[in-house]
Amino acid sequence: MIVVRELSGNDWAEWRELRLAALREAPDAFSSTVPGGARLSEVNVLADLDATPAGMVSGHLSGDSAELLSMWVTPDARGRGVGDALVQAMVRWSEGRGAGRLELRIAAGNQHAKALYERHGFVPQPSSDSDELEMIRQSRRE
């Protein structure tokens, strides 16, 4: 069973442990590889799989846009719906705050991440950066 929960500032230690695990497992996937990169963002969501922390994602709101940041799922939880649950949580969060679109960036060759985001309505954007792929999902709010 997957339980998704938005963290508060009091949950920083739990967030930090999962973030540092992500940095150890996939340092090239994140812009920060030092422990200082374990800080809480504007919104931080944790997914538990069978009562064990299994994934995380952060978000930031700027005007009419929101950005999905630093999503990571533990290796043993991949392919079990955790990533989908985290993306859905970020879509709800961004649309609930009136964002007209949700943006993200992934490593250009990360086909698994690209497929995940495409399932949720994200569309790749043209870019001159060969290292990163930007994807955007327009809000479906009424």
N, C-alpha and C. Protein backbone atom coordinates (compact mmCIF):
# COMPACT_ATOMS: atom_id res chain seq x y z
N MET A 1 0.83 -1.18 0.00
CA MET A 1 0.00 0.00 0.00
C MET A 1 0.88 1.24 0.00
N ILE A 2 0.52 2.21 -0.87
CA ILE A 2 1.27 3.46 -0.98
C ILE A 2 0.51 4.56 -0.26
N VAL A 3 1.21 5.24 0.64
CA VAL A 3 0.64 6.39 1.35
C VAL A 3 1.53 7.58 1.04
N VAL A 4 0.93 8.64 0.51
CA VAL A 4 1.65 9.85 0.16
C VAL A 4 1.32 10.92 1.20
N ARG A 5 2.34 11.60 1.68
CA ARG A 5 2.11 12.63 2.70
C ARG A 5 3.00 13.83 2.47
N GLU A 6 2.39 15.00 2.66
CA GLU A 6 3.13 16.25 2.56
C GLU A 6 3.82 16.49 3.90
N LEU A 7 5.09 16.80 3.85
CA LEU A 7 5.86 16.97 5.07
C LEU A 7 5.83 18.41 5.55
N SER A 8 6.02 18.57 6.85
CA SER A 8 6.14 19.90 7.44
C SER A 8 7.60 20.10 7.84
N GLY A 9 7.91 21.29 8.30
CA GLY A 9 9.26 21.59 8.74
C GLY A 9 9.74 20.68 9.86
N ASN A 10 8.82 20.13 10.63
CA ASN A 10 9.19 19.23 11.72
C ASN A 10 9.66 17.87 11.23
N ASP A 11 9.45 17.60 9.95
CA ASP A 11 9.81 16.29 9.37
C ASP A 11 11.16 16.31 8.68
N TRP A 12 11.95 17.36 8.91
CA TRP A 12 13.19 17.52 8.17
C TRP A 12 14.15 16.34 8.31
N ALA A 13 14.21 15.71 9.47
CA ALA A 13 15.16 14.61 9.67
C ALA A 13 14.78 13.41 8.80
N GLU A 14 13.51 13.12 8.72
CA GLU A 14 13.05 12.00 7.88
C GLU A 14 13.33 12.31 6.41
N TRP A 15 13.05 13.56 6.01
CA TRP A 15 13.31 13.98 4.63
C TRP A 15 14.80 13.87 4.33
N ARG A 16 15.61 14.34 5.26
CA ARG A 16 17.07 14.35 5.06
C ARG A 16 17.62 12.95 4.82
N GLU A 17 17.15 11.98 5.58
CA GLU A 17 17.64 10.61 5.42
C GLU A 17 17.36 10.07 4.01
N LEU A 18 16.16 10.29 3.52
CA LEU A 18 15.81 9.79 2.19
C LEU A 18 16.55 10.58 1.11
N ARG A 19 16.68 11.88 1.30
CA ARG A 19 17.39 12.72 0.32
C ARG A 19 18.85 12.30 0.23
N LEU A 20 19.49 12.04 1.35
CA LEU A 20 20.89 11.63 1.32
C LEU A 20 21.04 10.25 0.67
N ALA A 21 20.08 9.37 0.88
CA ALA A 21 20.09 8.07 0.20
C ALA A 21 19.99 8.27 -1.31
N ALA A 22 19.15 9.21 -1.73
CA ALA A 22 19.01 9.50 -3.16
C ALA A 22 20.31 10.04 -3.73
N LEU A 23 20.97 10.93 -3.00
CA LEU A 23 22.23 11.51 -3.47
C LEU A 23 23.33 10.45 -3.56
N ARG A 24 23.31 9.49 -2.64
CA ARG A 24 24.30 8.41 -2.71
C ARG A 24 24.03 7.47 -3.87
N GLU A 25 22.76 7.16 -4.11
CA GLU A 25 22.40 6.19 -5.15
C GLU A 25 22.46 6.78 -6.55
N ALA A 26 22.11 8.04 -6.71
CA ALA A 26 22.05 8.65 -8.04
C ALA A 26 22.57 10.09 -8.02
N PRO A 27 23.85 10.28 -7.71
CA PRO A 27 24.37 11.64 -7.56
C PRO A 27 24.26 12.48 -8.83
N ASP A 28 24.34 11.88 -9.99
CA ASP A 28 24.27 12.64 -11.24
C ASP A 28 22.86 13.09 -11.58
N ALA A 29 21.86 12.57 -10.89
CA ALA A 29 20.47 12.91 -11.19
C ALA A 29 20.02 14.19 -10.49
N PHE A 30 20.84 14.71 -9.59
CA PHE A 30 20.45 15.87 -8.81
C PHE A 30 21.47 16.98 -8.97
N SER A 31 21.00 18.22 -8.84
CA SER A 31 21.92 19.35 -8.98
C SER A 31 22.78 19.53 -7.74
N SER A 32 22.42 18.90 -6.64
CA SER A 32 23.20 19.02 -5.42
C SER A 32 23.65 17.64 -4.97
N THR A 33 24.94 17.50 -4.66
CA THR A 33 25.45 16.21 -4.20
C THR A 33 26.02 16.30 -2.80
N VAL A 34 25.78 17.40 -2.13
CA VAL A 34 26.30 17.58 -0.78
C VAL A 34 25.17 17.55 0.23
N PRO A 35 25.44 17.24 1.49
CA PRO A 35 24.38 17.19 2.48
C PRO A 35 23.54 18.45 2.58
N GLY A 36 24.08 19.62 2.24
CA GLY A 36 23.29 20.84 2.24
C GLY A 36 22.13 20.76 1.28
N GLY A 37 22.21 19.86 0.32
CA GLY A 37 21.15 19.68 -0.65
C GLY A 37 19.97 18.92 -0.08
N ALA A 38 19.99 18.65 1.22
CA ALA A 38 18.91 17.90 1.86
C ALA A 38 17.89 18.82 2.51
N ARG A 39 17.93 20.10 2.22
CA ARG A 39 16.99 21.05 2.81
C ARG A 39 15.59 20.86 2.26
N LEU A 40 14.59 21.24 3.08
CA LEU A 40 13.21 21.20 2.64
C LEU A 40 12.93 22.34 1.67
N SER A 41 12.10 22.07 0.66
CA SER A 41 11.69 23.08 -0.31
C SER A 41 10.32 23.62 0.08
N GLU A 42 9.68 24.32 -0.84
CA GLU A 42 8.36 24.90 -0.57
C GLU A 42 7.34 23.81 -0.23
N VAL A 43 7.35 22.73 -1.01
CA VAL A 43 6.52 21.57 -0.68
C VAL A 43 7.39 20.33 -0.84
N ASN A 44 7.25 19.43 0.10
CA ASN A 44 8.01 18.18 0.09
C ASN A 44 7.05 17.05 0.38
N VAL A 45 7.06 16.07 -0.49
CA VAL A 45 6.13 14.96 -0.38
C VAL A 45 6.93 13.67 -0.26
N LEU A 46 6.51 12.84 0.66
CA LEU A 46 7.14 11.55 0.87
C LEU A 46 6.12 10.47 0.58
N ALA A 47 6.55 9.39 -0.05
CA ALA A 47 5.68 8.25 -0.29
C ALA A 47 6.20 7.07 0.52
N ASP A 48 5.30 6.47 1.27
CA ASP A 48 5.62 5.25 2.02
C ASP A 48 5.02 4.07 1.26
N LEU A 49 5.79 3.02 1.12
CA LEU A 49 5.32 1.77 0.53
C LEU A 49 5.36 0.73 1.63
N ASP A 50 4.20 0.23 1.98
CA ASP A 50 4.09 -0.75 3.07
C ASP A 50 4.77 -0.23 4.33
N ALA A 51 4.48 1.03 4.67
CA ALA A 51 4.94 1.70 5.89
C ALA A 51 6.44 2.00 5.93
N THR A 52 7.10 1.93 4.78
CA THR A 52 8.53 2.25 4.69
C THR A 52 8.73 3.38 3.70
N PRO A 53 9.48 4.44 4.07
CA PRO A 53 9.73 5.52 3.11
C PRO A 53 10.33 4.97 1.82
N ALA A 54 9.68 5.29 0.68
CA ALA A 54 10.07 4.69 -0.59
C ALA A 54 10.29 5.71 -1.70
N GLY A 55 9.95 6.96 -1.47
CA GLY A 55 10.13 7.94 -2.53
C GLY A 55 9.86 9.34 -2.02
N MET A 56 10.33 10.32 -2.80
CA MET A 56 10.19 11.71 -2.39
C MET A 56 10.18 12.60 -3.61
N VAL A 57 9.59 13.78 -3.44
CA VAL A 57 9.58 14.79 -4.48
C VAL A 57 9.39 16.15 -3.81
N SER A 58 9.93 17.17 -4.44
CA SER A 58 9.77 18.54 -3.95
C SER A 58 9.13 19.38 -5.03
N GLY A 59 8.63 20.53 -4.61
CA GLY A 59 8.04 21.44 -5.57
C GLY A 59 8.23 22.88 -5.17
N HIS A 60 8.12 23.73 -6.18
CA HIS A 60 8.28 25.17 -5.98
C HIS A 60 7.28 25.89 -6.86
N LEU A 61 6.65 26.91 -6.34
CA LEU A 61 5.69 27.70 -7.08
C LEU A 61 6.29 29.06 -7.39
N SER A 62 6.14 29.51 -8.65
CA SER A 62 6.65 30.81 -9.06
C SER A 62 5.65 31.41 -10.04
N GLY A 63 4.86 32.35 -9.54
CA GLY A 63 3.85 32.97 -10.40
C GLY A 63 2.81 31.96 -10.84
N ASP A 64 2.61 31.84 -12.14
CA ASP A 64 1.61 30.93 -12.70
C ASP A 64 2.18 29.54 -12.99
N SER A 65 3.44 29.31 -12.64
CA SER A 65 4.08 28.02 -12.92
C SER A 65 4.55 27.37 -11.62
N ALA A 66 4.61 26.05 -11.66
CA ALA A 66 5.19 25.29 -10.56
C ALA A 66 6.27 24.41 -11.15
N GLU A 67 7.22 24.04 -10.31
CA GLU A 67 8.30 23.17 -10.76
C GLU A 67 8.38 21.95 -9.87
N LEU A 68 8.42 20.79 -10.49
CA LEU A 68 8.61 19.53 -9.81
C LEU A 68 10.13 19.32 -9.72
N LEU A 69 10.62 19.11 -8.51
CA LEU A 69 12.06 19.03 -8.27
C LEU A 69 12.46 17.72 -7.59
N SER A 70 13.59 17.21 -7.94
CA SER A 70 14.29 16.17 -7.18
C SER A 70 13.44 14.96 -6.83
N MET A 71 12.71 14.41 -7.77
CA MET A 71 11.96 13.20 -7.48
C MET A 71 12.90 12.00 -7.49
N TRP A 72 12.68 11.11 -6.54
CA TRP A 72 13.49 9.90 -6.44
C TRP A 72 12.66 8.82 -5.77
N VAL A 73 12.83 7.60 -6.25
CA VAL A 73 12.16 6.42 -5.68
C VAL A 73 13.25 5.40 -5.35
N THR A 74 13.16 4.78 -4.18
CA THR A 74 14.16 3.79 -3.78
C THR A 74 14.19 2.67 -4.81
N PRO A 75 15.36 2.07 -5.05
CA PRO A 75 15.46 1.02 -6.06
C PRO A 75 14.47 -0.13 -5.87
N ASP A 76 14.24 -0.56 -4.63
CA ASP A 76 13.33 -1.69 -4.41
C ASP A 76 11.86 -1.33 -4.57
N ALA A 77 11.53 -0.03 -4.66
CA ALA A 77 10.14 0.39 -4.83
C ALA A 77 9.82 0.77 -6.28
N ARG A 78 10.81 0.78 -7.13
CA ARG A 78 10.58 1.17 -8.53
C ARG A 78 9.70 0.15 -9.24
N GLY A 79 8.83 0.67 -10.09
CA GLY A 79 7.92 -0.20 -10.83
C GLY A 79 6.72 -0.65 -10.02
N ARG A 80 6.50 -0.04 -8.85
CA ARG A 80 5.42 -0.46 -7.97
C ARG A 80 4.39 0.65 -7.73
N GLY A 81 4.44 1.70 -8.54
CA GLY A 81 3.44 2.77 -8.45
C GLY A 81 3.82 3.95 -7.59
N VAL A 82 4.98 3.91 -6.97
CA VAL A 82 5.40 5.01 -6.10
C VAL A 82 5.64 6.28 -6.90
N GLY A 83 6.32 6.17 -8.02
CA GLY A 83 6.57 7.33 -8.87
C GLY A 83 5.27 7.96 -9.35
N ASP A 84 4.33 7.13 -9.77
CA ASP A 84 3.02 7.64 -10.21
C ASP A 84 2.33 8.39 -9.08
N ALA A 85 2.36 7.84 -7.88
CA ALA A 85 1.71 8.49 -6.74
C ALA A 85 2.36 9.84 -6.43
N LEU A 86 3.68 9.92 -6.54
CA LEU A 86 4.37 11.18 -6.27
C LEU A 86 4.05 12.23 -7.34
N VAL A 87 4.02 11.83 -8.60
CA VAL A 87 3.69 12.77 -9.67
C VAL A 87 2.25 13.27 -9.48
N GLN A 88 1.33 12.38 -9.19
CA GLN A 88 -0.06 12.78 -8.97
C GLN A 88 -0.18 13.76 -7.81
N ALA A 89 0.59 13.54 -6.76
CA ALA A 89 0.57 14.45 -5.61
C ALA A 89 1.05 15.84 -6.02
N MET A 90 2.09 15.90 -6.85
CA MET A 90 2.61 17.20 -7.28
C MET A 90 1.64 17.89 -8.24
N VAL A 91 0.95 17.14 -9.07
CA VAL A 91 -0.05 17.73 -9.96
C VAL A 91 -1.17 18.34 -9.12
N ARG A 92 -1.66 17.59 -8.13
CA ARG A 92 -2.72 18.12 -7.25
C ARG A 92 -2.24 19.36 -6.51
N TRP A 93 -1.02 19.32 -5.99
CA TRP A 93 -0.47 20.46 -5.25
C TRP A 93 -0.39 21.69 -6.14
N SER A 94 0.18 21.55 -7.34
CA SER A 94 0.36 22.70 -8.22
C SER A 94 -0.98 23.26 -8.70
N GLU A 95 -1.89 22.40 -9.09
CA GLU A 95 -3.19 22.87 -9.55
C GLU A 95 -4.00 23.48 -8.40
N GLY A 96 -3.84 22.94 -7.21
CA GLY A 96 -4.52 23.49 -6.04
C GLY A 96 -4.04 24.88 -5.67
N ARG A 97 -2.88 25.25 -6.14
CA ARG A 97 -2.35 26.59 -5.88
C ARG A 97 -2.47 27.50 -7.09
N GLY A 98 -3.21 27.05 -8.10
CA GLY A 98 -3.50 27.87 -9.26
C GLY A 98 -2.45 27.92 -10.33
N ALA A 99 -1.48 27.02 -10.29
CA ALA A 99 -0.44 27.02 -11.33
C ALA A 99 -1.04 26.61 -12.67
N GLY A 100 -0.69 27.35 -13.70
CA GLY A 100 -1.17 27.04 -15.04
C GLY A 100 -0.40 25.92 -15.69
N ARG A 101 0.80 25.66 -15.17
CA ARG A 101 1.59 24.55 -15.70
C ARG A 101 2.57 24.05 -14.66
N LEU A 102 3.00 22.82 -14.84
CA LEU A 102 3.98 22.17 -13.97
C LEU A 102 5.16 21.80 -14.86
N GLU A 103 6.35 22.23 -14.47
CA GLU A 103 7.56 22.02 -15.26
C GLU A 103 8.52 21.11 -14.52
N LEU A 104 9.40 20.47 -15.27
CA LEU A 104 10.46 19.66 -14.67
C LEU A 104 11.59 19.49 -15.65
N ARG A 105 12.71 19.05 -15.14
CA ARG A 105 13.87 18.73 -15.98
C ARG A 105 14.39 17.37 -15.55
N ILE A 106 14.79 16.58 -16.55
CA ILE A 106 15.40 15.28 -16.28
C ILE A 106 16.65 15.14 -17.14
N ALA A 107 17.49 14.20 -16.78
CA ALA A 107 18.65 13.89 -17.62
C ALA A 107 18.14 13.43 -18.98
N ALA A 108 18.75 13.91 -20.04
CA ALA A 108 18.27 13.66 -21.40
C ALA A 108 18.10 12.17 -21.72
N GLY A 109 18.94 11.32 -21.20
CA GLY A 109 18.85 9.90 -21.54
C GLY A 109 17.99 9.06 -20.61
N ASN A 110 17.31 9.68 -19.66
CA ASN A 110 16.53 8.94 -18.66
C ASN A 110 15.15 8.58 -19.23
N GLN A 111 15.11 7.50 -19.98
CA GLN A 111 13.88 7.10 -20.67
C GLN A 111 12.80 6.62 -19.71
N HIS A 112 13.18 6.01 -18.58
CA HIS A 112 12.18 5.57 -17.60
C HIS A 112 11.45 6.78 -17.01
N ALA A 113 12.20 7.81 -16.64
CA ALA A 113 11.58 9.02 -16.09
C ALA A 113 10.71 9.70 -17.16
N LYS A 114 11.22 9.77 -18.37
CA LYS A 114 10.46 10.40 -19.46
C LYS A 114 9.12 9.69 -19.65
N ALA A 115 9.14 8.38 -19.67
CA ALA A 115 7.89 7.61 -19.84
C ALA A 115 6.93 7.83 -18.67
N LEU A 116 7.46 7.89 -17.46
CA LEU A 116 6.63 8.16 -16.29
C LEU A 116 5.91 9.50 -16.44
N TYR A 117 6.66 10.53 -16.74
CA TYR A 117 6.07 11.86 -16.84
C TYR A 117 5.11 11.97 -18.03
N GLU A 118 5.43 11.33 -19.13
CA GLU A 118 4.52 11.35 -20.28
C GLU A 118 3.18 10.70 -19.95
N ARG A 119 3.19 9.65 -19.12
CA ARG A 119 1.94 9.02 -18.69
C ARG A 119 1.03 9.99 -17.96
N HIS A 120 1.63 11.02 -17.38
CA HIS A 120 0.88 12.00 -16.60
C HIS A 120 0.67 13.31 -17.34
N GLY A 121 0.85 13.30 -18.64
CA GLY A 121 0.54 14.47 -19.46
C GLY A 121 1.66 15.45 -19.69
N PHE A 122 2.87 15.13 -19.28
CA PHE A 122 4.00 16.01 -19.53
C PHE A 122 4.46 15.84 -20.98
N VAL A 123 4.87 16.95 -21.58
CA VAL A 123 5.29 16.95 -22.98
C VAL A 123 6.72 17.49 -23.05
N PRO A 124 7.63 16.77 -23.73
CA PRO A 124 8.99 17.27 -23.90
C PRO A 124 9.00 18.58 -24.67
N GLN A 125 9.92 19.47 -24.29
CA GLN A 125 10.03 20.78 -24.93
C GLN A 125 11.33 20.86 -25.72
N PRO A 126 11.32 21.59 -26.83
CA PRO A 126 12.57 21.78 -27.59
C PRO A 126 13.60 22.49 -26.71
N SER A 127 14.85 22.06 -26.84
CA SER A 127 15.91 22.65 -26.03
C SER A 127 17.24 22.53 -26.74
N SER A 128 18.11 23.47 -26.47
CA SER A 128 19.46 23.40 -27.02
C SER A 128 20.40 22.69 -26.06
N ASP A 129 19.91 22.36 -24.87
CA ASP A 129 20.72 21.67 -23.85
C ASP A 129 20.64 20.17 -24.11
N SER A 130 21.75 19.58 -24.50
CA SER A 130 21.75 18.15 -24.81
C SER A 130 21.83 17.28 -23.56
N ASP A 131 22.09 17.87 -22.40
CA ASP A 131 22.21 17.10 -21.16
C ASP A 131 20.90 16.95 -20.41
N GLU A 132 19.97 17.90 -20.63
CA GLU A 132 18.71 17.88 -19.90
C GLU A 132 17.53 17.96 -20.85
N LEU A 133 16.44 17.38 -20.41
CA LEU A 133 15.18 17.43 -21.14
C LEU A 133 14.18 18.17 -20.27
N GLU A 134 13.60 19.24 -20.78
CA GLU A 134 12.55 19.95 -20.06
C GLU A 134 11.21 19.39 -20.51
N MET A 135 10.32 19.19 -19.53
CA MET A 135 8.98 18.70 -19.82
C MET A 135 7.97 19.60 -19.11
N ILE A 136 6.83 19.82 -19.76
CA ILE A 136 5.80 20.69 -19.21
C ILE A 136 4.45 19.99 -19.28
N ARG A 137 3.68 20.16 -18.22
CA ARG A 137 2.30 19.67 -18.18
C ARG A 137 1.41 20.87 -17.94
N GLN A 138 0.51 21.14 -18.88
CA GLN A 138 -0.45 22.23 -18.71
C GLN A 138 -1.50 21.80 -17.69
N SER A 139 -1.94 22.75 -16.91
CA SER A 139 -2.96 22.48 -15.90
C SER A 139 -4.26 22.05 -16.56
N ARG A 140 -4.97 21.16 -15.92
CA ARG A 140 -6.27 20.73 -16.42
C ARG A 140 -7.37 21.27 -15.54
N ARG A 141 -7.04 22.27 -14.76
CA ARG A 141 -8.03 22.87 -13.86
C ARG A 141 -9.09 23.59 -14.68
N GLU A 142 -10.24 23.73 -14.12
CA GLU A 142 -11.35 24.40 -14.81
C GLU A 142 -11.31 25.87 -14.52
